[in-house]
Amino acid sequence: MLSLLVAIPLFFAQAQTPPEPPAATEASAPAAEPTFAVQTGTRIPLNLINSVSTRHAAEGDRVYLETAFPIVVNGRIVIPPGSYIAGTVTHVKRPGRLKGKGELYLRFDSLTLPNGVTRDFRARISALDGRTSEELDRKEGKVISEGNKGGDVRTVGETAVTGTWIGTVAGSAAGRPGMGAGVGAAAGAAAGMVGVLLTRGPDAVLAKGSTIEMVLDRELTFEQTEIEFGMPAVRRVNTDPGPAPGSKKENKSNGMPGLGRRAGSPFPI
């Protein structure tokens, strides 16, 4: 009985003890920053800043370009126009004499966005400007100059015609116009062939300002903070064509072209 009387207060004391608060949960990890990936195989149009040709270029020369069209991923501009691309000439082959075409290999190495974010990558040429006469090996990214067989034939033919005319004139003076024509034609053709053998074919040329297209060989990934470009600069367009040639007027009172004086004021306007 005594033990029962002692146990009852202990029971009520335990019942009134407040429960321990639950252990504090670990702080939730911050949400991952979204990323934007430009996929392998993406085609990017570029404008050439400097010209490249098989006549002047050497292996290791640098090529500089800028993007001509925005690249968008998930509704965000990731590579805006005016981003810089740096490339390298990896192989140059001059066109041969009589046969053989010029060949030019370019490799694209790095991309720099307008805000300074840079990525190293690898890419190759996938298309050329439609105005150029060069050919493109799409599989290898090789630029090939046009052939000149027609020009070689024309050179030989023109020199042969010239030789025939000179030979005819010389043969007529000697009383043998037919023989002179034949000898002149042969001599002219031979001279034309020598000229062809001493002259190289057309060089492969990628002119400054022309548009080419590159295709990415690997993925380019950017975080959201890396593609913050701010407000684009507003370009002022001058719509005033200016004075026509020869129509500029000079103010004889002060000798300064294009300046006059407001009435009652000593200062030019």
Protein backbone atom coordinates (compact mmCIF):
# COMPACT_ATOMS: atom_id res chain seq x y z
CA MET A 1 0.00 0.00 0.00
CA LEU A 2 2.80 2.32 0.85
CA SER A 3 4.53 1.61 -2.42
CA LEU A 4 1.31 2.38 -4.27
CA LEU A 5 1.02 5.75 -2.58
CA VAL A 6 4.61 6.58 -3.60
CA ALA A 7 4.15 5.47 -7.21
CA ILE A 8 1.07 7.62 -7.86
CA PRO A 9 2.88 11.03 -7.49
CA LEU A 10 5.74 9.79 -9.63
CA PHE A 11 3.30 8.80 -12.39
CA PHE A 12 1.67 12.24 -12.43
CA ALA A 13 5.11 13.93 -12.43
CA GLN A 14 6.21 11.95 -15.48
CA ALA A 15 2.91 12.66 -17.24
CA GLN A 16 3.38 16.43 -16.76
CA THR A 17 6.97 16.44 -18.08
CA PRO A 18 6.89 18.25 -21.48
CA PRO A 19 8.11 16.15 -24.41
CA GLU A 20 11.54 16.92 -25.77
CA PRO A 21 11.49 19.07 -28.88
CA PRO A 22 12.28 17.21 -32.11
CA ALA A 23 15.88 17.35 -33.25
CA ALA A 24 16.56 20.24 -35.54
CA THR A 25 16.68 19.11 -39.17
CA GLU A 26 19.70 19.94 -41.24
CA ALA A 27 19.45 23.16 -43.24
CA SER A 28 18.20 22.43 -46.71
CA ALA A 29 20.89 22.74 -49.41
CA PRO A 30 20.55 25.79 -51.67
CA ALA A 31 18.97 25.12 -55.06
CA ALA A 32 21.50 24.36 -57.77
CA GLU A 33 22.12 27.21 -60.21
CA PRO A 34 20.59 26.45 -63.62
CA THR A 35 22.98 25.67 -66.43
CA PHE A 36 22.65 26.21 -70.15
CA ALA A 37 24.31 23.76 -72.54
CA VAL A 38 25.05 24.43 -76.21
CA GLN A 39 24.90 20.94 -77.63
CA THR A 40 27.45 19.15 -79.76
CA GLY A 41 26.62 19.66 -83.44
CA THR A 42 25.30 23.21 -82.97
CA ARG A 43 26.06 25.35 -86.03
CA ILE A 44 27.22 28.91 -85.38
CA PRO A 45 27.60 31.52 -88.19
CA LEU A 46 30.75 33.63 -87.99
CA ASN A 47 32.16 36.71 -89.71
CA LEU A 48 35.86 36.80 -90.53
CA ILE A 49 37.80 39.69 -89.00
CA ASN A 50 41.01 38.98 -90.92
CA SER A 51 41.56 37.37 -94.33
CA VAL A 52 43.23 33.98 -94.73
CA SER A 53 44.74 32.52 -97.90
CA THR A 54 47.06 29.70 -98.91
CA ARG A 55 49.36 32.30 -100.47
CA HIS A 56 50.16 34.17 -97.25
CA ALA A 57 49.13 31.89 -94.37
CA ALA A 58 51.42 29.50 -92.53
CA GLU A 59 50.76 26.75 -90.03
CA GLY A 60 50.14 28.22 -86.59
CA ASP A 61 48.79 31.57 -87.83
CA ARG A 62 45.83 32.88 -85.86
CA VAL A 63 42.40 33.52 -87.30
CA TYR A 64 39.93 35.92 -85.66
CA LEU A 65 36.17 35.88 -86.09
CA GLU A 66 32.99 37.04 -84.37
CA THR A 67 29.58 35.44 -84.10
CA ALA A 68 26.96 36.77 -86.50
CA PHE A 69 23.76 35.38 -84.95
CA PRO A 70 22.57 34.73 -81.35
CA ILE A 71 22.57 31.17 -80.02
CA VAL A 72 19.59 30.59 -77.71
CA VAL A 73 19.14 27.82 -75.12
CA ASN A 74 15.88 27.47 -73.16
CA GLY A 75 14.81 30.97 -74.11
CA ARG A 76 18.07 32.60 -73.01
CA ILE A 77 20.72 34.07 -75.29
CA VAL A 78 23.84 32.11 -74.39
CA ILE A 79 26.18 33.25 -77.19
CA PRO A 80 25.20 36.76 -78.37
CA PRO A 81 26.27 38.30 -81.68
CA GLY A 82 29.69 39.92 -81.48
CA SER A 83 31.23 37.18 -79.32
CA TYR A 84 34.83 36.52 -80.32
CA ILE A 85 36.17 33.28 -81.77
CA ALA A 86 39.88 32.53 -82.09
CA GLY A 87 41.16 29.87 -84.45
CA THR A 88 44.39 28.46 -85.84
CA VAL A 89 45.63 27.56 -89.30
CA THR A 90 46.70 23.93 -88.93
CA HIS A 91 47.74 23.09 -92.50
CA VAL A 92 48.41 25.01 -95.72
CA LYS A 93 49.01 23.56 -99.19
CA ARG A 94 49.76 25.88 -102.09
CA PRO A 95 48.15 25.05 -105.45
CA GLY A 96 50.48 23.25 -107.83
CA ARG A 97 51.69 24.17 -111.29
CA LEU A 98 49.58 22.55 -114.00
CA LYS A 99 47.66 20.45 -111.46
CA GLY A 100 46.76 20.40 -107.79
CA LYS A 101 44.53 22.71 -105.76
CA GLY A 102 45.22 24.87 -102.74
CA GLU A 103 44.10 23.46 -99.39
CA LEU A 104 43.52 25.24 -96.09
CA TYR A 105 42.66 23.72 -92.72
CA LEU A 106 41.27 25.83 -89.86
CA ARG A 107 40.65 24.81 -86.25
CA PHE A 108 38.54 26.89 -83.87
CA ASP A 109 39.98 27.03 -80.35
CA SER A 110 38.21 29.43 -78.01
CA LEU A 111 35.10 31.54 -77.47
CA THR A 112 34.99 34.82 -75.53
CA LEU A 113 31.59 36.28 -74.64
CA PRO A 114 31.09 40.08 -74.47
CA ASN A 115 31.29 39.94 -70.66
CA GLY A 116 34.71 38.26 -70.76
CA VAL A 117 33.63 34.67 -70.02
CA THR A 118 35.86 32.35 -72.05
CA ARG A 119 35.57 28.71 -73.08
CA ASP A 120 38.13 26.53 -74.83
CA PHE A 121 36.63 24.12 -77.32
CA ARG A 122 37.16 22.48 -80.68
CA ALA A 123 35.12 23.07 -83.82
CA ARG A 124 35.51 22.89 -87.58
CA ILE A 125 34.12 24.67 -90.63
CA SER A 126 30.76 23.29 -91.74
CA ALA A 127 29.75 25.78 -94.48
CA LEU A 128 31.21 28.61 -96.58
CA ASP A 129 29.82 31.91 -97.78
CA GLY A 130 27.76 31.35 -100.91
CA ARG A 131 29.70 34.11 -102.69
CA THR A 132 33.03 32.32 -102.49
CA SER A 133 34.34 30.11 -105.27
CA GLU A 134 36.20 27.77 -102.89
CA GLU A 135 34.99 24.26 -102.15
CA LEU A 136 34.58 22.67 -98.71
CA ASP A 137 35.27 19.12 -97.61
CA ARG A 138 32.64 18.98 -94.85
CA LYS A 139 33.95 15.78 -93.35
CA GLU A 140 37.44 17.15 -92.74
CA GLY A 141 36.65 20.87 -92.61
CA LYS A 142 39.09 21.52 -95.47
CA VAL A 143 38.81 24.57 -97.75
CA ILE A 144 39.86 23.81 -101.35
CA SER A 145 40.61 26.36 -104.05
CA GLU A 146 38.90 26.22 -107.41
CA GLY A 147 40.71 24.60 -110.32
CA ASN A 148 42.09 26.50 -113.30
CA LYS A 149 41.99 23.97 -116.13
CA GLY A 150 39.81 26.25 -118.20
CA GLY A 151 42.22 29.13 -117.66
CA ASP A 152 45.21 26.97 -118.63
CA VAL A 153 43.53 25.87 -121.86
CA ARG A 154 42.57 29.46 -122.62
CA THR A 155 46.15 30.64 -122.05
CA VAL A 156 47.56 28.03 -124.43
CA GLY A 157 44.87 28.81 -127.01
CA GLU A 158 45.39 32.56 -126.85
CA THR A 159 49.15 32.30 -127.24
CA ALA A 160 48.69 29.85 -130.13
CA VAL A 161 46.35 32.30 -131.91
CA THR A 162 48.80 35.13 -131.35
CA GLY A 163 51.65 32.98 -132.68
CA THR A 164 49.60 32.01 -135.72
CA TRP A 165 48.93 35.65 -136.55
CA ILE A 166 52.58 36.63 -136.13
CA GLY A 167 53.70 33.61 -138.15
CA THR A 168 51.27 34.39 -140.95
CA VAL A 169 52.52 37.94 -141.19
CA ALA A 170 56.13 36.81 -141.16
CA GLY A 171 55.42 34.01 -143.67
CA SER A 172 53.62 36.34 -146.04
CA ALA A 173 56.62 38.62 -146.07
CA ALA A 174 58.76 35.61 -146.97
CA GLY A 175 56.27 34.30 -149.54
CA ARG A 176 55.20 31.30 -147.40
CA PRO A 177 52.13 32.34 -145.36
CA GLY A 178 50.97 28.77 -144.70
CA MET A 179 54.27 27.61 -143.28
CA GLY A 180 54.57 30.78 -141.22
CA ALA A 181 51.11 30.21 -139.72
CA GLY A 182 51.95 26.65 -138.70
CA VAL A 183 55.30 27.58 -137.19
CA GLY A 184 53.76 30.54 -135.36
CA ALA A 185 50.92 28.43 -133.94
CA ALA A 186 53.34 25.81 -132.63
CA ALA A 187 55.60 28.44 -131.12
CA GLY A 188 52.67 30.24 -129.52
CA ALA A 189 51.27 27.02 -128.04
CA ALA A 190 54.69 26.11 -126.66
CA ALA A 191 55.05 29.54 -125.10
CA GLY A 192 51.59 29.23 -123.55
CA MET A 193 52.43 25.83 -122.10
CA VAL A 194 55.61 27.19 -120.57
CA GLY A 195 53.60 30.00 -119.00
CA VAL A 196 51.12 27.50 -117.55
CA LEU A 197 53.92 25.37 -116.10
CA LEU A 198 55.48 28.39 -114.41
CA THR A 199 52.19 29.67 -112.93
CA ARG A 200 50.40 28.27 -109.90
CA GLY A 201 46.67 27.73 -109.81
CA PRO A 202 44.28 29.94 -107.82
CA ASP A 203 44.90 30.12 -104.06
CA ALA A 204 42.23 29.24 -101.52
CA VAL A 205 41.04 32.50 -99.98
CA LEU A 206 38.67 33.28 -97.10
CA ALA A 207 38.16 37.03 -97.41
CA LYS A 208 37.71 39.45 -94.53
CA GLY A 209 34.02 40.07 -93.85
CA SER A 210 32.83 36.85 -95.44
CA THR A 211 30.56 34.52 -93.47
CA ILE A 212 31.45 30.95 -92.61
CA GLU A 213 29.74 28.44 -90.35
CA MET A 214 31.32 26.28 -87.67
CA VAL A 215 29.91 23.16 -86.02
CA LEU A 216 30.75 22.32 -82.39
CA ASP A 217 32.53 19.04 -81.73
CA ARG A 218 31.78 19.16 -78.01
CA GLU A 219 29.21 20.60 -75.60
CA LEU A 220 29.63 24.09 -74.13
CA THR A 221 28.04 24.61 -70.70
CA PHE A 222 27.43 27.96 -68.99
CA GLU A 223 25.98 28.87 -65.59
CA GLN A 224 23.29 31.51 -65.34
CA THR A 225 25.65 34.12 -63.88
CA GLU A 226 28.02 33.64 -66.83
CA ILE A 227 25.46 34.73 -69.40
CA GLU A 228 24.43 38.01 -67.80
CA PHE A 229 25.25 40.62 -70.43
CA GLY A 230 23.41 43.72 -69.17
CA MET A 231 21.77 46.19 -71.48
CA PRO A 232 23.16 46.22 -75.01
CA ALA A 233 24.74 49.44 -76.18
CA VAL A 234 22.51 51.60 -78.34
CA ARG A 235 24.07 52.23 -81.71
CA ARG A 236 23.49 55.64 -83.19
CA VAL A 237 22.66 55.50 -86.86
CA ASN A 238 23.56 58.60 -88.86
CA THR A 239 20.82 59.04 -91.43
CA ASP A 240 22.18 62.35 -92.68
CA PRO A 241 23.87 61.70 -96.03
CA GLY A 242 25.84 64.92 -95.72
CA PRO A 243 26.47 67.41 -98.49
CA ALA A 244 26.80 66.22 -102.04
CA PRO A 245 30.33 66.23 -103.50
CA GLY A 246 31.41 69.75 -104.36
CA SER A 247 28.53 71.41 -102.51
CA LYS A 248 30.36 72.29 -99.27
CA LYS A 249 30.19 76.03 -98.66
CA GLU A 250 32.76 78.12 -96.87
CA ASN A 251 32.00 81.21 -94.85
CA LYS A 252 34.34 83.77 -96.28
CA SER A 253 34.00 85.97 -93.21
CA ASN A 254 35.89 83.51 -90.99
CA GLY A 255 37.48 81.10 -93.45
CA MET A 256 36.12 78.05 -91.59
CA PRO A 257 34.19 75.57 -93.72
CA GLY A 258 30.71 74.74 -92.54
CA LEU A 259 30.64 77.42 -89.80
CA GLY A 260 28.50 80.55 -89.79
CA ARG A 261 27.70 83.24 -87.28
CA ARG A 262 24.42 83.90 -85.59
CA ALA A 263 23.16 87.42 -86.13
CA GLY A 264 24.42 89.70 -83.37
CA SER A 265 26.79 87.04 -81.99
CA PRO A 266 30.59 86.95 -82.39
CA PHE A 267 30.65 83.17 -81.91
CA PRO A 268 30.34 80.65 -84.71
CA ILE A 269 27.45 78.23 -84.77
